[in-house]
Amino acid sequence: MIILIPFIQKMVRVDLRTIVLDVPSQDVISHDNVSVNVNAVVYFRVVDPEKAIIQVENFHEATSQLAQTTLRSVLGRHELDEMLAEREQLNFDIQEILDKQTNPWGIKIANVEIKHVDLDESMVRAIAKQAEAERERRAKVINAKGELEASANLLEAAEMLSKNPQAIQLRYLQTMSDISSDKTNTVIFPFPTEFSQIFKEKTKE
């Protein structure tokens, strides 16, 4: 039984269930000077009704305002790439700060989730160009590595063939066979490999 003194005391009902607080969209300037529009949702509940009523005038409004300022403060210390890639860590950081600041009000922050990080159209185009340039750079690097490996293999093969004249002859015959099987109008004139050795000796003289 609760006894109230009329005109001096009043009863206030407090919902102890988890409350879903939709944080309005906030304009945030990231650490790398990119303007983004961010909104989030906060899940909290009252664990101490007495503190929630006595220590703060309106705990729901106070929590909402605190969530908005904390969202701008935390995200403003990070770059755009971190906002997009490390959202889970950002959620945890915001939750930890809110939970610490709302604890004197008898409120427990259960979870914080960043819902959207929206960019303006010009920034979206700039990011798309950056991603395309990065893909082209990687393709050129891969192509250069492939050419380097191919040249190394050709050099190794040339060294092996130079040490074994019979291998050169076999390679020559294989090449002739491949060309003759091609259905084109190509005319082939066989050239004995011994002639190349004669020319090489004359060049040395």
Protein backbone atom coordinates (compact mmCIF):
# COMPACT_ATOMS: atom_id res chain seq x y z
CA MET A 1 0.00 0.00 0.00
CA ILE A 2 1.31 3.43 -0.99
CA ILE A 3 0.01 6.44 0.91
CA LEU A 4 0.20 9.83 -0.83
CA ILE A 5 -0.23 13.25 0.79
CA PRO A 6 -2.71 15.20 -1.35
CA PHE A 7 -1.37 18.34 -3.11
CA ILE A 8 2.16 17.51 -1.89
CA GLN A 9 2.89 14.13 -3.42
CA LYS A 10 1.81 12.52 -6.64
CA MET A 11 2.19 9.10 -8.19
CA VAL A 12 4.04 8.67 -11.48
CA ARG A 13 3.87 5.45 -13.45
CA VAL A 14 7.15 4.40 -15.07
CA ASP A 15 7.34 1.78 -17.79
CA LEU A 16 10.17 -0.64 -16.96
CA ARG A 17 10.12 -2.31 -20.37
CA THR A 18 12.77 -1.63 -23.03
CA ILE A 19 12.05 1.62 -24.85
CA VAL A 20 12.94 2.11 -28.51
CA LEU A 21 14.21 5.64 -29.15
CA ASP A 22 14.54 6.77 -32.75
CA VAL A 23 17.34 9.34 -32.92
CA PRO A 24 16.54 12.01 -35.55
CA SER A 25 18.89 12.40 -38.51
CA GLN A 26 21.99 14.39 -37.66
CA ASP A 27 24.32 16.31 -39.97
CA VAL A 28 27.84 15.20 -39.12
CA ILE A 29 31.19 16.47 -40.42
CA SER A 30 33.62 13.56 -40.43
CA HIS A 31 37.27 13.86 -39.45
CA ASP A 32 38.23 14.06 -43.15
CA ASN A 33 35.73 16.92 -43.71
CA VAL A 34 32.97 14.93 -45.40
CA SER A 35 29.38 15.95 -44.68
CA VAL A 36 27.08 13.00 -43.95
CA ASN A 37 23.57 12.56 -42.65
CA VAL A 38 23.30 9.91 -39.94
CA ASN A 39 20.44 8.49 -37.91
CA ALA A 40 20.34 5.79 -35.27
CA VAL A 41 18.12 3.92 -32.85
CA VAL A 42 18.71 3.52 -29.10
CA TYR A 43 17.28 0.76 -26.91
CA PHE A 44 17.11 1.63 -23.21
CA ARG A 45 15.12 0.84 -20.09
CA VAL A 46 14.56 2.35 -16.68
CA VAL A 47 16.25 0.31 -13.94
CA ASP A 48 15.69 2.80 -11.09
CA PRO A 49 12.31 4.59 -11.38
CA GLU A 50 13.05 6.88 -8.44
CA LYS A 51 16.18 8.30 -10.05
CA ALA A 52 14.50 8.51 -13.45
CA ILE A 53 11.78 10.79 -12.00
CA ILE A 54 13.74 12.77 -9.40
CA GLN A 55 17.20 13.20 -10.94
CA VAL A 56 16.03 14.46 -14.34
CA GLU A 57 12.93 16.36 -15.42
CA ASN A 58 12.05 14.25 -18.46
CA PHE A 59 14.24 11.17 -18.81
CA HIS A 60 12.90 10.31 -22.27
CA GLU A 61 13.65 13.75 -23.74
CA ALA A 62 16.95 13.97 -21.88
CA THR A 63 18.07 10.62 -23.28
CA SER A 64 17.05 11.64 -26.79
CA GLN A 65 18.99 14.92 -26.67
CA LEU A 66 22.02 13.20 -25.18
CA ALA A 67 21.92 10.52 -27.90
CA GLN A 68 21.89 13.18 -30.63
CA THR A 69 24.88 15.10 -29.27
CA THR A 70 26.82 11.91 -28.55
CA LEU A 71 26.15 10.61 -32.08
CA ARG A 72 27.57 13.80 -33.62
CA SER A 73 30.52 13.88 -31.21
CA VAL A 74 31.61 10.27 -31.72
CA LEU A 75 31.19 10.14 -35.48
CA GLY A 76 32.90 13.50 -35.93
CA ARG A 77 36.13 11.97 -34.61
CA HIS A 78 36.20 9.31 -37.36
CA GLU A 79 36.78 9.39 -41.09
CA LEU A 80 34.14 8.40 -43.63
CA ASP A 81 35.74 5.02 -44.37
CA GLU A 82 35.61 4.16 -40.66
CA MET A 83 31.94 5.13 -40.46
CA LEU A 84 31.13 2.74 -43.28
CA ALA A 85 33.44 -0.14 -42.36
CA GLU A 86 33.56 -0.06 -38.54
CA ARG A 87 29.92 0.53 -37.70
CA GLU A 88 29.81 -2.17 -35.04
CA GLN A 89 32.67 -0.56 -33.11
CA LEU A 90 31.03 2.86 -33.41
CA ASN A 91 27.78 1.43 -32.04
CA PHE A 92 29.67 0.08 -29.04
CA ASP A 93 31.46 3.39 -28.41
CA ILE A 94 28.21 5.38 -28.49
CA GLN A 95 26.48 2.86 -26.23
CA GLU A 96 29.31 2.97 -23.69
CA ILE A 97 29.26 6.79 -23.51
CA LEU A 98 25.46 6.99 -23.25
CA ASP A 99 25.31 4.27 -20.61
CA LYS A 100 27.87 6.06 -18.47
CA GLN A 101 26.13 9.43 -18.70
CA THR A 102 22.58 8.13 -18.14
CA ASN A 103 23.52 5.90 -15.20
CA PRO A 104 22.83 8.69 -12.61
CA TRP A 105 19.31 8.89 -14.06
CA GLY A 106 18.62 5.23 -13.35
CA ILE A 107 18.66 4.36 -17.08
CA LYS A 108 20.45 1.43 -18.73
CA ILE A 109 21.38 1.70 -22.42
CA ALA A 110 20.87 -1.78 -23.83
CA ASN A 111 21.96 -1.21 -27.43
CA VAL A 112 22.72 1.44 -30.04
CA GLU A 113 22.45 0.86 -33.78
CA ILE A 114 23.45 3.29 -36.54
CA LYS A 115 20.81 2.81 -39.21
CA HIS A 116 21.92 4.94 -42.15
CA VAL A 117 24.96 6.95 -43.22
CA ASP A 118 23.74 8.99 -46.18
CA LEU A 119 25.99 10.97 -48.53
CA ASP A 120 25.06 13.67 -51.01
CA GLU A 121 25.06 12.79 -54.72
CA SER A 122 28.35 14.55 -55.51
CA MET A 123 30.16 12.60 -52.79
CA VAL A 124 28.68 9.32 -54.04
CA ARG A 125 30.06 10.06 -57.53
CA ALA A 126 33.46 10.95 -56.08
CA ILE A 127 33.61 7.69 -54.13
CA ALA A 128 32.59 5.74 -57.24
CA LYS A 129 35.42 7.37 -59.23
CA GLN A 130 37.85 6.59 -56.44
CA ALA A 131 36.78 2.94 -56.38
CA GLU A 132 37.10 2.71 -60.18
CA ALA A 133 40.59 4.22 -60.07
CA GLU A 134 41.58 1.74 -57.35
CA ARG A 135 40.32 -1.19 -59.46
CA GLU A 136 42.29 0.04 -62.48
CA ARG A 137 45.41 0.41 -60.34
CA ARG A 138 45.09 -3.15 -59.05
CA ALA A 139 44.53 -4.46 -62.58
CA LYS A 140 47.71 -2.73 -63.80
CA VAL A 141 49.69 -4.11 -60.87
CA ILE A 142 48.43 -7.65 -61.56
CA ASN A 143 49.20 -7.27 -65.28
CA ALA A 144 52.71 -6.01 -64.52
CA LYS A 145 53.34 -8.94 -62.17
CA GLY A 146 52.13 -11.35 -64.85
CA GLU A 147 54.46 -9.86 -67.45
CA LEU A 148 57.36 -9.99 -65.00
CA GLU A 149 56.73 -13.67 -64.28
CA ALA A 150 56.34 -14.44 -68.00
CA SER A 151 59.62 -12.69 -68.86
CA ALA A 152 61.38 -14.59 -66.07
CA ASN A 153 60.03 -17.88 -67.42
CA LEU A 154 61.08 -16.99 -70.97
CA LEU A 155 64.58 -16.10 -69.78
CA GLU A 156 64.85 -19.39 -67.92
CA ALA A 157 63.62 -21.32 -70.96
CA ALA A 158 66.09 -19.51 -73.23
CA GLU A 159 68.97 -20.36 -70.93
CA MET A 160 67.95 -24.03 -70.87
CA LEU A 161 67.60 -24.18 -74.68
CA SER A 162 70.95 -22.49 -75.23
CA LYS A 163 72.65 -25.23 -73.21
CA ASN A 164 71.05 -28.01 -75.28
CA PRO A 165 70.98 -27.63 -79.13
CA GLN A 166 68.80 -30.75 -79.48
CA ALA A 167 66.12 -29.02 -77.38
CA ILE A 168 66.17 -26.07 -79.76
CA GLN A 169 65.65 -28.43 -82.70
CA LEU A 170 62.71 -30.12 -80.96
CA ARG A 171 61.16 -26.77 -80.15
CA TYR A 172 61.61 -25.70 -83.75
CA LEU A 173 59.86 -28.81 -85.05
CA GLN A 174 57.00 -28.35 -82.56
CA THR A 175 56.52 -24.77 -83.70
CA MET A 176 56.44 -25.88 -87.33
CA SER A 177 53.82 -28.47 -86.48
CA ASP A 178 51.66 -25.90 -84.72
CA ILE A 179 51.86 -23.47 -87.62
CA SER A 180 51.08 -26.13 -90.25
CA SER A 181 47.93 -27.18 -88.40
CA ASP A 182 46.57 -23.64 -88.54
CA LYS A 183 43.88 -23.29 -91.24
CA THR A 184 45.24 -20.13 -92.91
CA ASN A 185 46.94 -19.16 -96.15
CA THR A 186 50.32 -18.91 -94.43
CA VAL A 187 53.23 -20.25 -96.50
CA ILE A 188 55.98 -21.90 -94.48
CA PHE A 189 59.61 -22.16 -95.65
CA PRO A 190 61.56 -24.52 -93.37
CA PHE A 191 64.91 -23.14 -92.31
CA PRO A 192 67.42 -25.62 -90.86
CA THR A 193 68.69 -24.55 -87.50
CA GLU A 194 72.25 -25.44 -88.53
CA PHE A 195 72.30 -22.38 -90.77
CA SER A 196 71.84 -20.12 -87.80
CA GLN A 197 74.95 -21.65 -86.23
CA ILE A 198 76.94 -20.97 -89.42
CA PHE A 199 75.78 -17.33 -89.46
CA LYS A 200 76.69 -17.00 -85.81
CA GLU A 201 80.23 -18.29 -86.44
CA LYS A 202 80.73 -15.91 -89.37
CA THR A 203 79.55 -13.01 -87.25
CA LYS A 204 82.19 -13.86 -84.61
CA GLU A 205 84.92 -13.85 -87.29
